[in-house]
Amino acid sequence: QVQLVESGGGLVQAGGSLRLSCAASGTTFSSFGIGWYRQAPGKQREPVAFISSGGEANLADSVKGRFTIARDNARNTVYLQMNSLKPEDTAVYYCRMGSKWGQGTQVTVSS
């Protein structure tokens, strides 16, 4: 059974950094692209970043220059490095592989 587990969220001041992790199990991780999404209170879930099975990365315009995405196939893990965080980055962050979603991790950025 495929499982995705996010971790690394927390409370940080504006301008700070966090690194989120998405650990996968139960599948051939290296064959799949992985996406990060976020959902703020009262808003729709939106894509943040995506990394293909080959390592090609795409980022939403709102996070370009501040966030990076990377994968470690040996550890079945995808990382989202978030720098220069802003209060508007506050949301629950989810990773997704195909139709499978993780449970989410809360990121709160204080001003």
C-alpha atoms as a PDB file:
ATOM      1  CA  GLN A   1       0.000   0.000   0.000  1.00  0.00           C
ATOM      2  CA  VAL A   2       1.367   3.383  -1.027  1.00  0.00           C
ATOM      3  CA  GLN A   3       1.919   5.831   1.809  1.00  0.00           C
ATOM      4  CA  LEU A   4       3.176   9.396   1.795  1.00  0.00           C
ATOM      5  CA  VAL A   5       4.238  11.052   5.028  1.00  0.00           C
ATOM      6  CA  GLU A   6       5.070  14.736   5.228  1.00  0.00           C
ATOM      7  CA  SER A   7       7.164  16.279   7.977  1.00  0.00           C
ATOM      8  CA  GLY A   8       9.131  19.415   8.753  1.00  0.00           C
ATOM      9  CA  GLY A   9       6.368  21.958   9.180  1.00  0.00           C
ATOM     10  CA  GLY A  10       6.227  24.398  12.044  1.00  0.00           C
ATOM     11  CA  LEU A  11       6.097  28.011  13.141  1.00  0.00           C
ATOM     12  CA  VAL A  12       8.697  30.392  11.759  1.00  0.00           C
ATOM     13  CA  GLN A  13       9.128  34.145  11.561  1.00  0.00           C
ATOM     14  CA  ALA A  14       8.911  35.954   8.253  1.00  0.00           C
ATOM     15  CA  GLY A  15      12.207  35.685   6.422  1.00  0.00           C
ATOM     16  CA  GLY A  16      12.970  32.328   7.965  1.00  0.00           C
ATOM     17  CA  SER A  17      13.373  28.906   6.407  1.00  0.00           C
ATOM     18  CA  LEU A  18      11.901  25.439   6.692  1.00  0.00           C
ATOM     19  CA  ARG A  19      12.567  22.183   4.902  1.00  0.00           C
ATOM     20  CA  LEU A  20       9.644  19.875   4.326  1.00  0.00           C
ATOM     21  CA  SER A  21      10.086  16.177   3.639  1.00  0.00           C
ATOM     22  CA  CYS A  22       7.775  13.747   1.883  1.00  0.00           C
ATOM     23  CA  ALA A  23       8.680  10.130   2.517  1.00  0.00           C
ATOM     24  CA  ALA A  24       7.099   7.470   0.324  1.00  0.00           C
ATOM     25  CA  SER A  25       6.685   3.751   0.886  1.00  0.00           C
ATOM     26  CA  GLY A  26       4.980   0.876  -0.843  1.00  0.00           C
ATOM     27  CA  THR A  27       5.901   1.753  -4.406  1.00  0.00           C
ATOM     28  CA  THR A  28       8.740   2.209  -6.870  1.00  0.00           C
ATOM     29  CA  PHE A  29       9.365   5.769  -5.814  1.00  0.00           C
ATOM     30  CA  SER A  30      11.900   6.652  -8.489  1.00  0.00           C
ATOM     31  CA  SER A  31       9.362   6.063 -11.287  1.00  0.00           C
ATOM     32  CA  PHE A  32       6.991   8.792 -10.195  1.00  0.00           C
ATOM     33  CA  GLY A  33       6.840  12.547 -10.266  1.00  0.00           C
ATOM     34  CA  ILE A  34       6.026  14.133  -6.909  1.00  0.00           C
ATOM     35  CA  GLY A  35       4.165  17.368  -6.317  1.00  0.00           C
ATOM     36  CA  TRP A  36       3.864  19.704  -3.348  1.00  0.00           C
ATOM     37  CA  TYR A  37       0.595  21.574  -2.831  1.00  0.00           C
ATOM     38  CA  ARG A  38      -0.676  23.906  -0.156  1.00  0.00           C
ATOM     39  CA  GLN A  39      -4.028  24.959   1.186  1.00  0.00           C
ATOM     40  CA  ALA A  40      -4.538  28.080   3.236  1.00  0.00           C
ATOM     41  CA  PRO A  41      -7.664  28.564   5.387  1.00  0.00           C
ATOM     42  CA  GLY A  42     -10.634  29.426   3.217  1.00  0.00           C
ATOM     43  CA  LYS A  43      -8.715  28.918  -0.017  1.00  0.00           C
ATOM     44  CA  GLN A  44      -8.434  26.190  -2.594  1.00  0.00           C
ATOM     45  CA  ARG A  45      -5.520  23.817  -2.646  1.00  0.00           C
ATOM     46  CA  GLU A  46      -2.872  25.081  -5.040  1.00  0.00           C
ATOM     47  CA  PRO A  47       0.249  23.576  -6.602  1.00  0.00           C
ATOM     48  CA  VAL A  48       3.570  24.782  -5.275  1.00  0.00           C
ATOM     49  CA  ALA A  49       6.248  22.625  -6.852  1.00  0.00           C
ATOM     50  CA  PHE A  50       6.720  19.476  -8.886  1.00  0.00           C
ATOM     51  CA  ILE A  51       9.674  17.261  -9.586  1.00  0.00           C
ATOM     52  CA  SER A  52       9.598  14.652 -12.323  1.00  0.00           C
ATOM     53  CA  SER A  53      10.967  11.138 -12.087  1.00  0.00           C
ATOM     54  CA  GLY A  54      13.981  12.448 -13.979  1.00  0.00           C
ATOM     55  CA  GLY A  55      14.552  15.289 -11.540  1.00  0.00           C
ATOM     56  CA  GLU A  56      13.163  18.159 -13.597  1.00  0.00           C
ATOM     57  CA  ALA A  57      11.675  20.773 -11.274  1.00  0.00           C
ATOM     58  CA  ASN A  58       8.850  23.240 -11.754  1.00  0.00           C
ATOM     59  CA  LEU A  59       7.813  25.894  -9.261  1.00  0.00           C
ATOM     60  CA  ALA A  60       4.803  28.154  -8.942  1.00  0.00           C
ATOM     61  CA  ASP A  61       5.522  31.781  -9.763  1.00  0.00           C
ATOM     62  CA  SER A  62       4.680  32.788  -6.200  1.00  0.00           C
ATOM     63  CA  VAL A  63       7.576  30.756  -4.789  1.00  0.00           C
ATOM     64  CA  LYS A  64      10.197  30.965  -7.533  1.00  0.00           C
ATOM     65  CA  GLY A  65      13.487  32.226  -6.197  1.00  0.00           C
ATOM     66  CA  ARG A  66      12.527  31.257  -2.643  1.00  0.00           C
ATOM     67  CA  PHE A  67      11.620  27.540  -2.725  1.00  0.00           C
ATOM     68  CA  THR A  68      13.452  24.619  -4.233  1.00  0.00           C
ATOM     69  CA  ILE A  69      12.399  21.006  -4.684  1.00  0.00           C
ATOM     70  CA  ALA A  70      14.721  18.027  -4.744  1.00  0.00           C
ATOM     71  CA  ARG A  71      14.464  14.261  -4.518  1.00  0.00           C
ATOM     72  CA  ASP A  72      16.588  11.542  -2.993  1.00  0.00           C
ATOM     73  CA  ASN A  73      15.563   8.276  -4.588  1.00  0.00           C
ATOM     74  CA  ALA A  74      17.809   6.277  -2.261  1.00  0.00           C
ATOM     75  CA  ARG A  75      15.740   7.567   0.656  1.00  0.00           C
ATOM     76  CA  ASN A  76      12.383   7.573  -1.189  1.00  0.00           C
ATOM     77  CA  THR A  77      12.044  11.190  -0.145  1.00  0.00           C
ATOM     78  CA  VAL A  78      11.268  14.512  -1.781  1.00  0.00           C
ATOM     79  CA  TYR A  79      12.240  17.758  -0.095  1.00  0.00           C
ATOM     80  CA  LEU A  80      10.810  21.242  -0.321  1.00  0.00           C
ATOM     81  CA  GLN A  81      13.302  23.832   0.865  1.00  0.00           C
ATOM     82  CA  MET A  82      11.494  27.044   1.716  1.00  0.00           C
ATOM     83  CA  ASN A  83      13.516  30.214   2.237  1.00  0.00           C
ATOM     84  CA  SER A  84      12.525  33.847   2.733  1.00  0.00           C
ATOM     85  CA  LEU A  85       9.165  32.730   4.032  1.00  0.00           C
ATOM     86  CA  LYS A  86       6.283  35.182   4.029  1.00  0.00           C
ATOM     87  CA  PRO A  87       3.070  35.229   6.083  1.00  0.00           C
ATOM     88  CA  GLU A  88       1.165  34.412   2.890  1.00  0.00           C
ATOM     89  CA  ASP A  89       3.035  31.089   2.729  1.00  0.00           C
ATOM     90  CA  THR A  90       1.048  29.971   5.785  1.00  0.00           C
ATOM     91  CA  ALA A  91      -0.879  26.839   4.826  1.00  0.00           C
ATOM     92  CA  VAL A  92      -1.082  23.096   5.185  1.00  0.00           C
ATOM     93  CA  TYR A  93       1.422  21.599   2.779  1.00  0.00           C
ATOM     94  CA  TYR A  94       0.692  18.273   1.098  1.00  0.00           C
ATOM     95  CA  CYS A  95       2.698  16.033  -1.162  1.00  0.00           C
ATOM     96  CA  ARG A  96       1.106  14.019  -3.908  1.00  0.00           C
ATOM     97  CA  MET A  97       2.171  11.035  -6.015  1.00  0.00           C
ATOM     98  CA  GLY A  98      -0.350  10.137  -8.668  1.00  0.00           C
ATOM     99  CA  SER A  99      -3.707   9.904  -6.930  1.00  0.00           C
ATOM    100  CA  LYS A 100      -2.156   9.465  -3.485  1.00  0.00           C
ATOM    101  CA  TRP A 101      -1.924  12.335  -1.010  1.00  0.00           C
ATOM    102  CA  GLY A 102      -0.113  12.635   2.254  1.00  0.00           C
ATOM    103  CA  GLN A 103      -1.786  13.848   5.423  1.00  0.00           C
ATOM    104  CA  GLY A 104      -0.244  17.305   5.278  1.00  0.00           C
ATOM    105  CA  THR A 105       2.036  19.358   7.502  1.00  0.00           C
ATOM    106  CA  GLN A 106       1.221  22.809   8.870  1.00  0.00           C
ATOM    107  CA  VAL A 107       3.454  25.744   8.045  1.00  0.00           C
ATOM    108  CA  THR A 108       2.805  28.994   9.883  1.00  0.00           C
ATOM    109  CA  VAL A 109       4.780  32.136   9.126  1.00  0.00           C
ATOM    110  CA  SER A 110       4.436  34.982  11.607  1.00  0.00           C
ATOM    111  CA  SER A 111       4.925  38.609  10.641  1.00  0.00           C
END
